[in-house]
């Protein structure tokens, strides 16, 4: 598996085209699977399950339509996005199992940072419980498949400006129910996070 890491914000449409091109190459067996770690300038994206009522302010940030699963979400500085282009033809053709593998990767990342991650079966993604006893989302999951090759993946909040979530109900949740590592008093730089993430992806998907 190849890993690609970008440290500067990427253009959304160009990155999606690049990811889709890689998926076609994996399908045609001309290139290897890839995990791509990147980030964007502040934007909203909406997936195949979008609910227009979840867009609270259509003038706050640029909005991009995408074919991934899920609803509205935020991407921007302080958040890492992990695109996973994995060939399930060489594994189990089981989408639920694949999503569980992504959940487990995120849980293991959090565990290595001393945080207990929680799966809420009512909502996709990974949550943590704060001192007020409520669950707050720290990572979102949205995937798509083409001929059993995955693309899109998950996003993880390190230290984004959480106020940017105020223009949407992210993934159908109240926009107050999101958090980040810095929000709970943990500071982790991109390089450290990327290293941990690569190790956990390797542990999960290496053949």
N, C-alpha and C. Protein backbone atom coordinates (compact mmCIF):
# COMPACT_ATOMS: atom_id res chain seq x y z
N UNK A 1 0.83 -1.19 0.00
CA UNK A 1 0.00 0.00 0.00
C UNK A 1 0.88 1.26 0.00
N UNK A 2 0.44 2.23 -0.77
CA UNK A 2 1.17 3.49 -0.85
C UNK A 2 0.50 4.51 0.08
N UNK A 3 1.32 5.33 0.73
CA UNK A 3 0.82 6.42 1.56
C UNK A 3 1.23 7.75 0.94
N UNK A 4 0.29 8.66 0.88
CA UNK A 4 0.55 10.00 0.38
C UNK A 4 0.16 10.99 1.47
N UNK A 5 1.05 11.92 1.78
CA UNK A 5 0.78 12.91 2.83
C UNK A 5 0.96 14.30 2.26
N UNK A 6 -0.07 15.12 2.41
CA UNK A 6 0.02 16.52 2.01
C UNK A 6 -0.13 17.39 3.25
N UNK A 7 0.74 18.37 3.37
CA UNK A 7 0.72 19.25 4.53
C UNK A 7 0.05 20.58 4.24
N UNK A 8 -0.01 20.98 2.96
CA UNK A 8 -0.67 22.21 2.59
C UNK A 8 -2.11 21.94 2.18
N UNK A 9 -3.03 22.89 2.41
CA UNK A 9 -4.44 22.67 2.02
C UNK A 9 -4.57 22.38 0.53
N UNK A 10 -5.39 21.39 0.20
CA UNK A 10 -5.59 20.97 -1.18
C UNK A 10 -6.86 21.58 -1.77
N UNK A 11 -6.89 21.66 -3.09
CA UNK A 11 -8.11 22.05 -3.79
C UNK A 11 -9.08 20.88 -3.78
N UNK A 12 -10.31 21.13 -3.35
CA UNK A 12 -11.25 20.02 -3.16
C UNK A 12 -11.55 19.28 -4.46
N UNK A 13 -11.97 20.00 -5.49
CA UNK A 13 -12.36 19.32 -6.73
C UNK A 13 -11.19 18.57 -7.35
N UNK A 14 -10.00 19.16 -7.30
CA UNK A 14 -8.83 18.50 -7.88
C UNK A 14 -8.48 17.23 -7.11
N UNK A 15 -8.60 17.27 -5.79
CA UNK A 15 -8.27 16.09 -4.99
C UNK A 15 -9.26 14.96 -5.23
N UNK A 16 -10.54 15.31 -5.40
CA UNK A 16 -11.54 14.28 -5.67
C UNK A 16 -11.26 13.62 -7.02
N UNK A 17 -10.93 14.42 -8.02
CA UNK A 17 -10.59 13.85 -9.34
C UNK A 17 -9.37 12.95 -9.25
N UNK A 18 -8.38 13.36 -8.48
CA UNK A 18 -7.17 12.56 -8.32
C UNK A 18 -7.48 11.24 -7.62
N UNK A 19 -8.33 11.31 -6.59
CA UNK A 19 -8.71 10.09 -5.88
C UNK A 19 -9.48 9.14 -6.80
N UNK A 20 -10.42 9.67 -7.57
CA UNK A 20 -11.20 8.83 -8.48
C UNK A 20 -10.33 8.19 -9.56
N UNK A 21 -9.33 8.94 -10.01
CA UNK A 21 -8.39 8.39 -10.99
C UNK A 21 -7.60 7.23 -10.39
N UNK A 22 -7.19 7.39 -9.14
CA UNK A 22 -6.46 6.31 -8.47
C UNK A 22 -7.34 5.08 -8.31
N UNK A 23 -8.60 5.29 -7.96
CA UNK A 23 -9.53 4.16 -7.82
C UNK A 23 -9.64 3.39 -9.13
N UNK A 24 -9.75 4.11 -10.25
CA UNK A 24 -9.81 3.43 -11.55
C UNK A 24 -8.54 2.63 -11.82
N UNK A 25 -7.39 3.17 -11.42
CA UNK A 25 -6.13 2.45 -11.62
C UNK A 25 -6.06 1.20 -10.74
N UNK A 26 -6.61 1.27 -9.54
CA UNK A 26 -6.65 0.09 -8.66
C UNK A 26 -7.56 -0.97 -9.27
N UNK A 27 -8.71 -0.53 -9.78
CA UNK A 27 -9.63 -1.47 -10.44
C UNK A 27 -8.95 -2.15 -11.61
N UNK A 28 -8.18 -1.38 -12.38
CA UNK A 28 -7.50 -1.92 -13.56
C UNK A 28 -6.18 -2.61 -13.22
N UNK A 29 -5.85 -2.64 -11.92
CA UNK A 29 -4.67 -3.32 -11.41
C UNK A 29 -3.37 -2.74 -11.97
N UNK A 30 -3.38 -1.43 -12.20
CA UNK A 30 -2.17 -0.77 -12.68
C UNK A 30 -1.47 0.02 -11.58
N UNK A 31 -2.15 0.22 -10.44
CA UNK A 31 -1.54 0.89 -9.30
C UNK A 31 -2.01 0.23 -8.01
N UNK A 32 -1.20 0.44 -6.96
CA UNK A 32 -1.50 -0.17 -5.66
C UNK A 32 -2.56 0.62 -4.90
N UNK A 33 -3.08 -0.01 -3.86
CA UNK A 33 -3.98 0.67 -2.95
C UNK A 33 -3.26 1.88 -2.34
N UNK A 34 -4.06 2.86 -1.87
CA UNK A 34 -3.43 4.04 -1.33
C UNK A 34 -4.25 4.64 -0.20
N UNK A 35 -3.56 5.17 0.80
CA UNK A 35 -4.16 6.01 1.83
C UNK A 35 -3.55 7.40 1.68
N UNK A 36 -4.42 8.39 1.62
CA UNK A 36 -4.00 9.77 1.37
C UNK A 36 -4.44 10.64 2.54
N UNK A 37 -3.47 11.26 3.20
CA UNK A 37 -3.76 12.13 4.35
C UNK A 37 -3.57 13.57 3.91
N UNK A 38 -4.60 14.38 4.11
CA UNK A 38 -4.59 15.75 3.60
C UNK A 38 -5.51 16.65 4.42
N UNK A 39 -5.59 17.90 4.02
CA UNK A 39 -6.56 18.81 4.62
C UNK A 39 -6.97 19.84 3.59
N UNK A 40 -8.04 20.56 3.89
CA UNK A 40 -8.59 21.56 2.97
C UNK A 40 -8.67 22.92 3.64
N UNK A 41 -8.89 23.94 2.79
CA UNK A 41 -9.34 25.22 3.31
C UNK A 41 -10.75 25.01 3.86
N UNK A 42 -11.26 25.97 4.63
CA UNK A 42 -12.57 25.81 5.28
C UNK A 42 -13.70 25.71 4.26
N UNK A 43 -14.39 24.56 4.26
CA UNK A 43 -15.50 24.32 3.33
C UNK A 43 -16.54 23.43 4.01
N UNK A 44 -17.74 23.40 3.42
CA UNK A 44 -18.73 22.39 3.76
C UNK A 44 -18.86 21.43 2.58
N UNK A 45 -19.07 20.15 2.87
CA UNK A 45 -19.40 19.18 1.82
C UNK A 45 -20.69 18.48 2.20
N UNK A 46 -21.45 18.08 1.20
CA UNK A 46 -22.68 17.33 1.47
C UNK A 46 -22.66 16.03 0.69
N UNK A 47 -23.06 14.97 1.37
CA UNK A 47 -23.03 13.64 0.77
C UNK A 47 -24.37 13.22 0.21
N UNK A 48 -24.45 11.93 -0.12
CA UNK A 48 -25.63 11.40 -0.81
C UNK A 48 -26.89 11.45 0.05
N UNK A 49 -26.73 11.53 1.37
CA UNK A 49 -27.89 11.53 2.28
C UNK A 49 -28.21 12.91 2.82
N UNK A 50 -27.82 13.94 2.08
CA UNK A 50 -27.98 15.31 2.57
C UNK A 50 -29.44 15.63 2.88
N UNK A 51 -29.62 16.44 3.92
CA UNK A 51 -30.92 16.99 4.28
C UNK A 51 -30.77 18.51 4.25
N UNK A 52 -31.50 19.16 3.37
CA UNK A 52 -31.36 20.60 3.18
C UNK A 52 -31.56 21.37 4.49
N UNK A 53 -32.34 20.81 5.41
CA UNK A 53 -32.57 21.47 6.69
C UNK A 53 -31.32 21.52 7.55
N UNK A 54 -30.32 20.70 7.22
CA UNK A 54 -29.07 20.68 7.99
C UNK A 54 -28.12 21.79 7.57
N UNK A 55 -28.43 22.47 6.46
CA UNK A 55 -27.64 23.62 6.05
C UNK A 55 -28.26 24.87 6.65
N UNK A 56 -27.66 25.39 7.69
CA UNK A 56 -28.23 26.51 8.46
C UNK A 56 -27.83 27.87 7.91
N UNK A 57 -26.68 27.94 7.25
CA UNK A 57 -26.18 29.21 6.70
C UNK A 57 -25.43 28.91 5.41
N UNK A 58 -26.08 29.18 4.27
CA UNK A 58 -25.46 28.83 2.99
C UNK A 58 -24.47 29.87 2.50
N UNK A 59 -24.24 30.91 3.30
CA UNK A 59 -23.29 31.95 2.91
C UNK A 59 -22.02 31.93 3.76
N UNK A 60 -21.97 31.03 4.73
CA UNK A 60 -20.85 31.04 5.67
C UNK A 60 -19.55 30.54 5.04
N UNK A 61 -19.63 29.41 4.32
CA UNK A 61 -18.46 28.80 3.70
C UNK A 61 -18.84 28.22 2.34
N UNK A 62 -17.87 28.03 1.43
CA UNK A 62 -18.16 27.36 0.16
C UNK A 62 -18.73 25.96 0.40
N UNK A 63 -19.66 25.55 -0.45
CA UNK A 63 -20.33 24.26 -0.30
C UNK A 63 -20.03 23.40 -1.53
N UNK A 64 -19.60 22.17 -1.29
CA UNK A 64 -19.28 21.25 -2.37
C UNK A 64 -20.14 20.00 -2.25
N UNK A 65 -20.74 19.62 -3.36
CA UNK A 65 -21.50 18.36 -3.44
C UNK A 65 -20.53 17.22 -3.69
N UNK A 66 -20.73 16.11 -3.00
CA UNK A 66 -19.86 14.96 -3.19
C UNK A 66 -20.69 13.68 -3.22
N UNK A 67 -20.13 12.63 -3.79
CA UNK A 67 -20.89 11.38 -3.93
C UNK A 67 -20.62 10.39 -2.80
N UNK A 68 -19.92 10.82 -1.76
CA UNK A 68 -19.70 9.93 -0.62
C UNK A 68 -21.02 9.72 0.13
N UNK A 69 -21.04 8.73 1.01
CA UNK A 69 -22.17 8.56 1.89
C UNK A 69 -22.18 9.65 2.95
N UNK A 70 -23.32 9.86 3.58
CA UNK A 70 -23.39 10.81 4.68
C UNK A 70 -24.08 12.10 4.31
N UNK A 71 -24.08 13.03 5.26
CA UNK A 71 -24.81 14.29 5.11
C UNK A 71 -23.83 15.45 5.02
N UNK A 72 -24.18 16.59 5.60
CA UNK A 72 -23.29 17.75 5.60
C UNK A 72 -22.17 17.57 6.62
N UNK A 73 -20.99 18.03 6.25
CA UNK A 73 -19.89 18.06 7.20
C UNK A 73 -18.98 19.23 6.88
N UNK A 74 -18.07 19.48 7.79
CA UNK A 74 -17.10 20.57 7.64
C UNK A 74 -15.71 19.99 7.43
N UNK A 75 -14.95 20.62 6.54
CA UNK A 75 -13.52 20.33 6.42
C UNK A 75 -12.77 21.65 6.48
N UNK A 76 -11.58 21.61 7.07
CA UNK A 76 -10.80 22.84 7.12
C UNK A 76 -9.52 22.67 7.90
N UNK A 77 -8.78 23.77 8.08
CA UNK A 77 -7.53 23.72 8.84
C UNK A 77 -7.75 23.16 10.24
N UNK A 78 -6.78 22.38 10.70
CA UNK A 78 -6.89 21.76 12.02
C UNK A 78 -7.58 20.41 12.00
N UNK A 79 -7.97 19.98 10.81
CA UNK A 79 -8.61 18.67 10.64
C UNK A 79 -7.80 17.88 9.62
N UNK A 80 -7.60 16.60 9.90
CA UNK A 80 -6.94 15.72 8.93
C UNK A 80 -7.99 14.84 8.28
N UNK A 81 -7.87 14.69 6.97
CA UNK A 81 -8.77 13.85 6.19
C UNK A 81 -7.97 12.67 5.67
N UNK A 82 -8.53 11.50 5.79
CA UNK A 82 -7.84 10.28 5.36
C UNK A 82 -8.69 9.60 4.32
N UNK A 83 -8.24 9.65 3.07
CA UNK A 83 -8.92 8.96 1.98
C UNK A 83 -8.33 7.56 1.85
N UNK A 84 -9.20 6.58 1.86
CA UNK A 84 -8.77 5.18 1.81
C UNK A 84 -9.23 4.55 0.51
N UNK A 85 -8.28 4.20 -0.34
CA UNK A 85 -8.57 3.53 -1.60
C UNK A 85 -8.14 2.08 -1.46
N UNK A 86 -9.07 1.26 -1.00
CA UNK A 86 -8.80 -0.13 -0.62
C UNK A 86 -9.60 -1.07 -1.50
N UNK A 87 -8.95 -2.11 -1.99
CA UNK A 87 -9.58 -3.06 -2.90
C UNK A 87 -10.20 -4.21 -2.12
N UNK A 88 -11.52 -4.16 -1.97
CA UNK A 88 -12.21 -5.23 -1.24
C UNK A 88 -12.33 -6.51 -2.06
N UNK A 89 -12.01 -6.44 -3.34
CA UNK A 89 -11.97 -7.68 -4.14
C UNK A 89 -10.87 -8.61 -3.63
N UNK A 90 -9.88 -8.05 -2.96
CA UNK A 90 -8.78 -8.85 -2.40
C UNK A 90 -9.00 -9.13 -0.92
N UNK A 91 -10.16 -8.74 -0.42
CA UNK A 91 -10.50 -8.96 0.99
C UNK A 91 -11.94 -9.46 1.05
N UNK A 92 -12.63 -9.17 2.14
CA UNK A 92 -14.05 -9.51 2.21
C UNK A 92 -14.88 -8.42 1.56
N UNK A 93 -15.78 -8.82 0.68
CA UNK A 93 -16.68 -7.84 0.07
C UNK A 93 -17.82 -7.55 1.05
N UNK A 94 -17.49 -6.90 2.09
CA UNK A 94 -18.44 -6.63 3.17
C UNK A 94 -18.29 -5.18 3.60
N UNK A 95 -19.25 -4.36 3.20
CA UNK A 95 -19.15 -2.92 3.47
C UNK A 95 -19.27 -2.63 4.96
N UNK A 96 -20.17 -3.32 5.64
CA UNK A 96 -20.30 -3.10 7.09
C UNK A 96 -19.01 -3.43 7.82
N UNK A 97 -18.38 -4.52 7.42
CA UNK A 97 -17.12 -4.90 8.05
C UNK A 97 -16.05 -3.85 7.77
N UNK A 98 -16.05 -3.31 6.55
CA UNK A 98 -15.08 -2.30 6.19
C UNK A 98 -15.26 -1.04 7.04
N UNK A 99 -16.50 -0.62 7.23
CA UNK A 99 -16.76 0.55 8.08
C UNK A 99 -16.31 0.27 9.51
N UNK A 100 -16.54 -0.94 9.99
CA UNK A 100 -16.09 -1.30 11.35
C UNK A 100 -14.56 -1.24 11.45
N UNK A 101 -13.87 -1.62 10.39
CA UNK A 101 -12.41 -1.52 10.38
C UNK A 101 -11.96 -0.06 10.50
N UNK A 102 -12.66 0.83 9.78
CA UNK A 102 -12.34 2.26 9.89
C UNK A 102 -12.61 2.74 11.31
N UNK A 103 -13.75 2.35 11.87
CA UNK A 103 -14.06 2.73 13.25
C UNK A 103 -12.96 2.27 14.20
N UNK A 104 -12.49 1.06 14.00
CA UNK A 104 -11.45 0.52 14.88
C UNK A 104 -10.13 1.27 14.72
N UNK A 105 -9.82 1.70 13.50
CA UNK A 105 -8.61 2.50 13.29
C UNK A 105 -8.69 3.78 14.11
N UNK A 106 -9.83 4.45 14.04
CA UNK A 106 -10.01 5.70 14.79
C UNK A 106 -9.95 5.44 16.28
N UNK A 107 -10.59 4.38 16.74
CA UNK A 107 -10.56 4.05 18.17
C UNK A 107 -9.13 3.79 18.65
N UNK A 108 -8.34 3.13 17.81
CA UNK A 108 -6.95 2.84 18.19
C UNK A 108 -6.11 4.11 18.20
N UNK A 109 -6.36 5.02 17.26
CA UNK A 109 -5.66 6.31 17.28
C UNK A 109 -5.94 7.03 18.58
N UNK A 110 -7.21 7.09 18.94
CA UNK A 110 -7.60 7.76 20.19
C UNK A 110 -6.98 7.06 21.40
N UNK A 111 -6.99 5.75 21.39
CA UNK A 111 -6.43 4.99 22.52
C UNK A 111 -4.95 5.32 22.71
N UNK A 112 -4.23 5.45 21.60
CA UNK A 112 -2.80 5.77 21.69
C UNK A 112 -2.57 7.19 22.20
N UNK A 113 -3.60 8.01 22.12
CA UNK A 113 -3.52 9.37 22.66
C UNK A 113 -4.13 9.47 24.05
N UNK A 114 -4.49 8.32 24.61
CA UNK A 114 -5.02 8.28 25.97
C UNK A 114 -6.49 8.65 26.07
N UNK A 115 -7.23 8.46 24.97
CA UNK A 115 -8.64 8.86 24.93
C UNK A 115 -9.50 7.63 24.65
N UNK A 116 -10.62 7.56 25.33
CA UNK A 116 -11.58 6.48 25.12
C UNK A 116 -12.60 6.90 24.08
N UNK A 117 -12.52 6.33 22.89
CA UNK A 117 -13.49 6.62 21.85
C UNK A 117 -14.74 5.78 22.00
N UNK A 118 -15.85 6.29 21.50
CA UNK A 118 -17.14 5.63 21.67
C UNK A 118 -17.85 5.56 20.32
N UNK A 119 -18.44 4.41 20.03
CA UNK A 119 -19.29 4.22 18.86
C UNK A 119 -20.73 4.46 19.28
N UNK A 120 -21.40 5.37 18.58
CA UNK A 120 -22.82 5.61 18.80
C UNK A 120 -23.56 4.98 17.63
N UNK A 121 -24.30 3.92 17.89
CA UNK A 121 -24.91 3.16 16.79
C UNK A 121 -26.04 3.93 16.10
N UNK A 122 -26.42 5.07 16.65
CA UNK A 122 -27.43 5.91 16.00
C UNK A 122 -26.80 6.82 14.95
N UNK A 123 -25.48 7.02 15.03
CA UNK A 123 -24.79 7.94 14.13
C UNK A 123 -23.45 7.36 13.71
N UNK A 124 -23.09 7.59 12.45
CA UNK A 124 -21.77 7.18 11.98
C UNK A 124 -20.71 8.07 12.61
N UNK A 125 -19.51 7.53 12.73
CA UNK A 125 -18.41 8.30 13.27
C UNK A 125 -18.03 7.84 14.67
N UNK A 126 -17.07 8.54 15.25
CA UNK A 126 -16.57 8.20 16.58
C UNK A 126 -16.75 9.41 17.50
N UNK A 127 -17.17 9.12 18.72
CA UNK A 127 -17.49 10.15 19.70
C UNK A 127 -16.61 9.98 20.94
N UNK A 128 -16.56 11.04 21.73
CA UNK A 128 -15.97 10.95 23.06
C UNK A 128 -16.97 11.54 24.05
N UNK A 129 -16.88 11.10 25.30
CA UNK A 129 -17.76 11.63 26.34
C UNK A 129 -17.00 12.70 27.12
N UNK A 130 -17.57 13.89 27.16
CA UNK A 130 -16.95 14.98 27.89
C UNK A 130 -17.46 15.00 29.34
N UNK A 131 -16.93 15.92 30.12
CA UNK A 131 -17.24 15.96 31.55
C UNK A 131 -18.72 16.20 31.83
N UNK A 132 -19.45 16.77 30.85
CA UNK A 132 -20.89 16.99 31.07
C UNK A 132 -21.72 15.74 30.84
N UNK A 133 -21.04 14.63 30.48
CA UNK A 133 -21.73 13.36 30.29
C UNK A 133 -22.30 13.15 28.91
N UNK A 134 -22.18 14.14 28.03
CA UNK A 134 -22.73 14.03 26.68
C UNK A 134 -21.67 13.56 25.69
N UNK A 135 -22.15 13.02 24.57
CA UNK A 135 -21.25 12.54 23.52
C UNK A 135 -21.00 13.65 22.50
N UNK A 136 -19.73 13.76 22.09
CA UNK A 136 -19.33 14.75 21.11
C UNK A 136 -18.52 14.06 20.02
N UNK A 137 -18.87 14.36 18.77
CA UNK A 137 -18.18 13.71 17.65
C UNK A 137 -16.81 14.32 17.43
N UNK A 138 -15.80 13.45 17.31
CA UNK A 138 -14.44 13.89 17.03
C UNK A 138 -13.95 13.41 15.66
N UNK A 139 -14.61 12.41 15.09
CA UNK A 139 -14.22 11.88 13.78
C UNK A 139 -15.46 11.47 13.00
N UNK A 140 -15.47 11.79 11.71
CA UNK A 140 -16.59 11.45 10.83
C UNK A 140 -16.15 10.44 9.79
N UNK A 141 -17.10 9.61 9.36
CA UNK A 141 -16.83 8.57 8.36
C UNK A 141 -17.81 8.72 7.21
N UNK A 142 -17.30 8.68 5.99
CA UNK A 142 -18.14 8.69 4.80
C UNK A 142 -17.40 8.01 3.66
N UNK A 143 -17.95 6.92 3.16
CA UNK A 143 -17.25 6.14 2.14
C UNK A 143 -18.13 5.90 0.92
N UNK A 144 -17.48 5.56 -0.16
CA UNK A 144 -18.12 5.23 -1.42
C UNK A 144 -17.34 4.07 -2.03
N UNK A 145 -18.00 3.30 -2.91
CA UNK A 145 -17.33 2.16 -3.53
C UNK A 145 -17.58 2.15 -5.03
N UNK A 146 -16.56 1.74 -5.75
CA UNK A 146 -16.68 1.53 -7.18
C UNK A 146 -16.06 0.17 -7.48
N UNK A 147 -16.89 -0.74 -7.94
CA UNK A 147 -16.44 -2.11 -8.23
C UNK A 147 -15.65 -2.68 -7.04
N UNK A 148 -16.17 -2.41 -5.86
CA UNK A 148 -15.62 -2.92 -4.59
C UNK A 148 -14.28 -2.31 -4.21
N UNK A 149 -13.93 -1.19 -4.81
CA UNK A 149 -12.78 -0.41 -4.36
C UNK A 149 -13.31 0.82 -3.63
N UNK A 150 -12.83 1.02 -2.42
CA UNK A 150 -13.34 2.13 -1.59
C UNK A 150 -12.68 3.45 -1.96
N UNK A 151 -13.39 4.52 -1.70
CA UNK A 151 -12.78 5.84 -1.71
C UNK A 151 -13.53 6.74 -0.75
N UNK A 152 -13.04 7.97 -0.60
CA UNK A 152 -13.36 8.83 0.55
C UNK A 152 -12.85 8.09 1.80
N UNK A 153 -13.39 8.34 2.98
CA UNK A 153 -12.81 7.69 4.17
C UNK A 153 -13.28 8.33 5.46
N UNK A 154 -12.35 8.99 6.18
CA UNK A 154 -12.75 9.60 7.44
C UNK A 154 -11.99 10.90 7.69
N UNK A 155 -12.55 11.72 8.56
CA UNK A 155 -11.89 12.96 8.98
C UNK A 155 -11.77 12.96 10.49
N UNK A 156 -10.75 13.65 10.99
CA UNK A 156 -10.44 13.64 12.42
C UNK A 156 -10.09 15.06 12.85
N UNK A 157 -10.74 15.52 13.91
CA UNK A 157 -10.53 16.89 14.39
C UNK A 157 -9.37 16.96 15.38
N UNK A 158 -8.29 17.61 14.93
CA UNK A 158 -7.17 17.88 15.84
C UNK A 158 -7.40 19.21 16.57
N UNK A 159 -7.40 20.28 15.81
CA UNK A 159 -7.58 21.61 16.42
C UNK A 159 -8.26 22.59 15.48
N UNK A 160 -9.39 22.20 14.86
CA UNK A 160 -10.08 23.14 13.96
C UNK A 160 -10.81 24.22 14.75
N UNK A 161 -11.23 25.27 14.05
CA UNK A 161 -12.09 26.28 14.63
C UNK A 161 -13.50 25.71 14.66
N UNK A 162 -13.95 25.28 15.83
CA UNK A 162 -15.25 24.61 15.93
C UNK A 162 -16.41 25.55 15.61
N UNK A 163 -16.17 26.85 15.62
CA UNK A 163 -17.23 27.80 15.27
C UNK A 163 -17.67 27.61 13.82
N UNK A 164 -16.79 27.07 12.99
CA UNK A 164 -17.13 26.85 11.58
C UNK A 164 -18.29 25.85 11.44
N UNK A 165 -18.50 25.02 12.44
CA UNK A 165 -19.60 24.06 12.38
C UNK A 165 -20.96 24.73 12.55
N UNK A 166 -20.98 26.00 12.94
CA UNK A 166 -22.25 26.65 13.27
C UNK A 166 -23.16 26.85 12.05
N UNK A 167 -22.62 26.71 10.84
CA UNK A 167 -23.45 26.88 9.65
C UNK A 167 -24.18 25.63 9.21
N UNK A 168 -23.92 24.51 9.89
CA UNK A 168 -24.56 23.24 9.51
C UNK A 168 -24.94 22.45 10.77
N UNK A 169 -25.78 21.47 10.58
CA UNK A 169 -25.93 20.39 11.54
C UNK A 169 -25.08 19.23 11.00
N UNK A 170 -23.86 19.07 11.49
CA UNK A 170 -22.94 18.09 10.89
C UNK A 170 -23.45 16.66 11.04
N UNK A 171 -23.58 15.99 9.89
CA UNK A 171 -24.07 14.61 9.87
C UNK A 171 -25.42 14.50 10.56
N UNK A 172 -26.20 15.58 10.52
CA UNK A 172 -27.53 15.58 11.12
C UNK A 172 -27.54 15.84 12.61
N UNK A 173 -26.36 16.05 13.22
CA UNK A 173 -26.27 16.30 14.66
C UNK A 173 -26.37 17.79 14.96
N UNK A 174 -26.71 18.11 16.20
CA UNK A 174 -26.61 19.49 16.65
C UNK A 174 -25.17 19.95 16.52
N UNK A 175 -24.95 21.15 15.97
CA UNK A 175 -23.58 21.59 15.72
C UNK A 175 -22.79 21.88 16.98
N UNK A 176 -23.45 21.83 18.13
CA UNK A 176 -22.73 21.99 19.40
C UNK A 176 -22.09 20.68 19.84
N UNK A 177 -22.50 19.57 19.23
CA UNK A 177 -22.04 18.25 19.66
C UNK A 177 -20.84 17.76 18.86
N UNK A 178 -19.89 18.67 18.59
CA UNK A 178 -18.63 18.30 17.95
C UNK A 178 -17.49 18.76 18.85
N UNK A 179 -16.38 18.08 18.72
CA UNK A 179 -15.23 18.41 19.56
C UNK A 179 -13.95 18.14 18.78
N UNK A 180 -12.83 18.33 19.44
CA UNK A 180 -11.52 18.10 18.83
C UNK A 180 -10.54 17.75 19.94
N UNK A 181 -9.34 17.34 19.55
CA UNK A 181 -8.32 17.05 20.56
C UNK A 181 -8.02 18.29 21.39
N UNK A 182 -7.83 19.43 20.71
CA UNK A 182 -7.50 20.65 21.46
C UNK A 182 -8.65 21.08 22.36
N UNK A 183 -9.87 20.80 21.94
CA UNK A 183 -11.04 21.17 22.74
C UNK A 183 -11.06 20.45 24.08
N UNK A 184 -10.45 19.27 24.13
CA UNK A 184 -10.39 18.51 25.39
C UNK A 184 -9.00 18.59 26.02
N UNK A 185 -8.21 19.55 25.55
CA UNK A 185 -6.94 19.84 26.20
C UNK A 185 -5.76 19.01 25.75
N UNK A 186 -5.87 18.40 24.57
CA UNK A 186 -4.77 17.58 24.05
C UNK A 186 -4.25 18.20 22.76
N UNK A 187 -2.97 18.51 22.72
CA UNK A 187 -2.37 19.11 21.54
C UNK A 187 -1.50 18.08 20.83
N UNK A 188 -1.84 17.79 19.59
CA UNK A 188 -1.08 16.84 18.77
C UNK A 188 -0.84 17.48 17.41
N UNK A 189 0.42 17.49 16.97
CA UNK A 189 0.69 18.10 15.66
C UNK A 189 0.38 17.11 14.54
N UNK A 190 0.31 17.64 13.32
CA UNK A 190 -0.05 16.81 12.17
C UNK A 190 0.91 15.65 11.98
N UNK A 191 2.20 15.91 12.14
CA UNK A 191 3.20 14.86 11.90
C UNK A 191 3.01 13.68 12.85
N UNK A 192 2.78 13.98 14.12
CA UNK A 192 2.56 12.91 15.10
C UNK A 192 1.28 12.15 14.78
N UNK A 193 0.22 12.88 14.48
CA UNK A 193 -1.05 12.23 14.13
C UNK A 193 -0.88 11.37 12.89
N UNK A 194 -0.23 11.90 11.86
CA UNK A 194 -0.06 11.16 10.61
C UNK A 194 0.72 9.87 10.85
N UNK A 195 1.78 9.93 11.66
CA UNK A 195 2.58 8.74 11.94
C UNK A 195 1.74 7.66 12.62
N UNK A 196 0.95 8.05 13.61
CA UNK A 196 0.09 7.09 14.31
C UNK A 196 -0.93 6.51 13.34
N UNK A 197 -1.52 7.36 12.53
CA UNK A 197 -2.56 6.92 11.59
C UNK A 197 -2.00 5.93 10.57
N UNK A 198 -0.83 6.22 10.04
CA UNK A 198 -0.21 5.32 9.07
C UNK A 198 0.05 3.95 9.70
N UNK A 199 0.55 3.94 10.93
CA UNK A 199 0.79 2.66 11.61
C UNK A 199 -0.49 1.87 11.78
N UNK A 200 -1.57 2.53 12.17
CA UNK A 200 -2.83 1.81 12.40
C UNK A 200 -3.47 1.35 11.10
N UNK A 201 -3.34 2.14 10.05
CA UNK A 201 -3.84 1.70 8.74
C UNK A 201 -3.04 0.50 8.25
N UNK A 202 -1.73 0.55 8.42
CA UNK A 202 -0.88 -0.59 8.04
C UNK A 202 -1.26 -1.83 8.83
N UNK A 203 -1.48 -1.66 10.12
CA UNK A 203 -1.85 -2.81 10.96
C UNK A 203 -3.17 -3.43 10.53
N UNK A 204 -4.05 -2.60 9.97
CA UNK A 204 -5.38 -3.07 9.60
C UNK A 204 -5.43 -3.65 8.20
N UNK A 205 -4.75 -3.00 7.25
CA UNK A 205 -4.94 -3.36 5.84
C UNK A 205 -3.73 -4.00 5.18
N UNK A 206 -2.59 -4.06 5.85
CA UNK A 206 -1.44 -4.71 5.21
C UNK A 206 -1.74 -6.19 5.01
N UNK A 207 -1.33 -6.69 3.85
CA UNK A 207 -1.63 -8.09 3.52
C UNK A 207 -0.53 -8.99 4.03
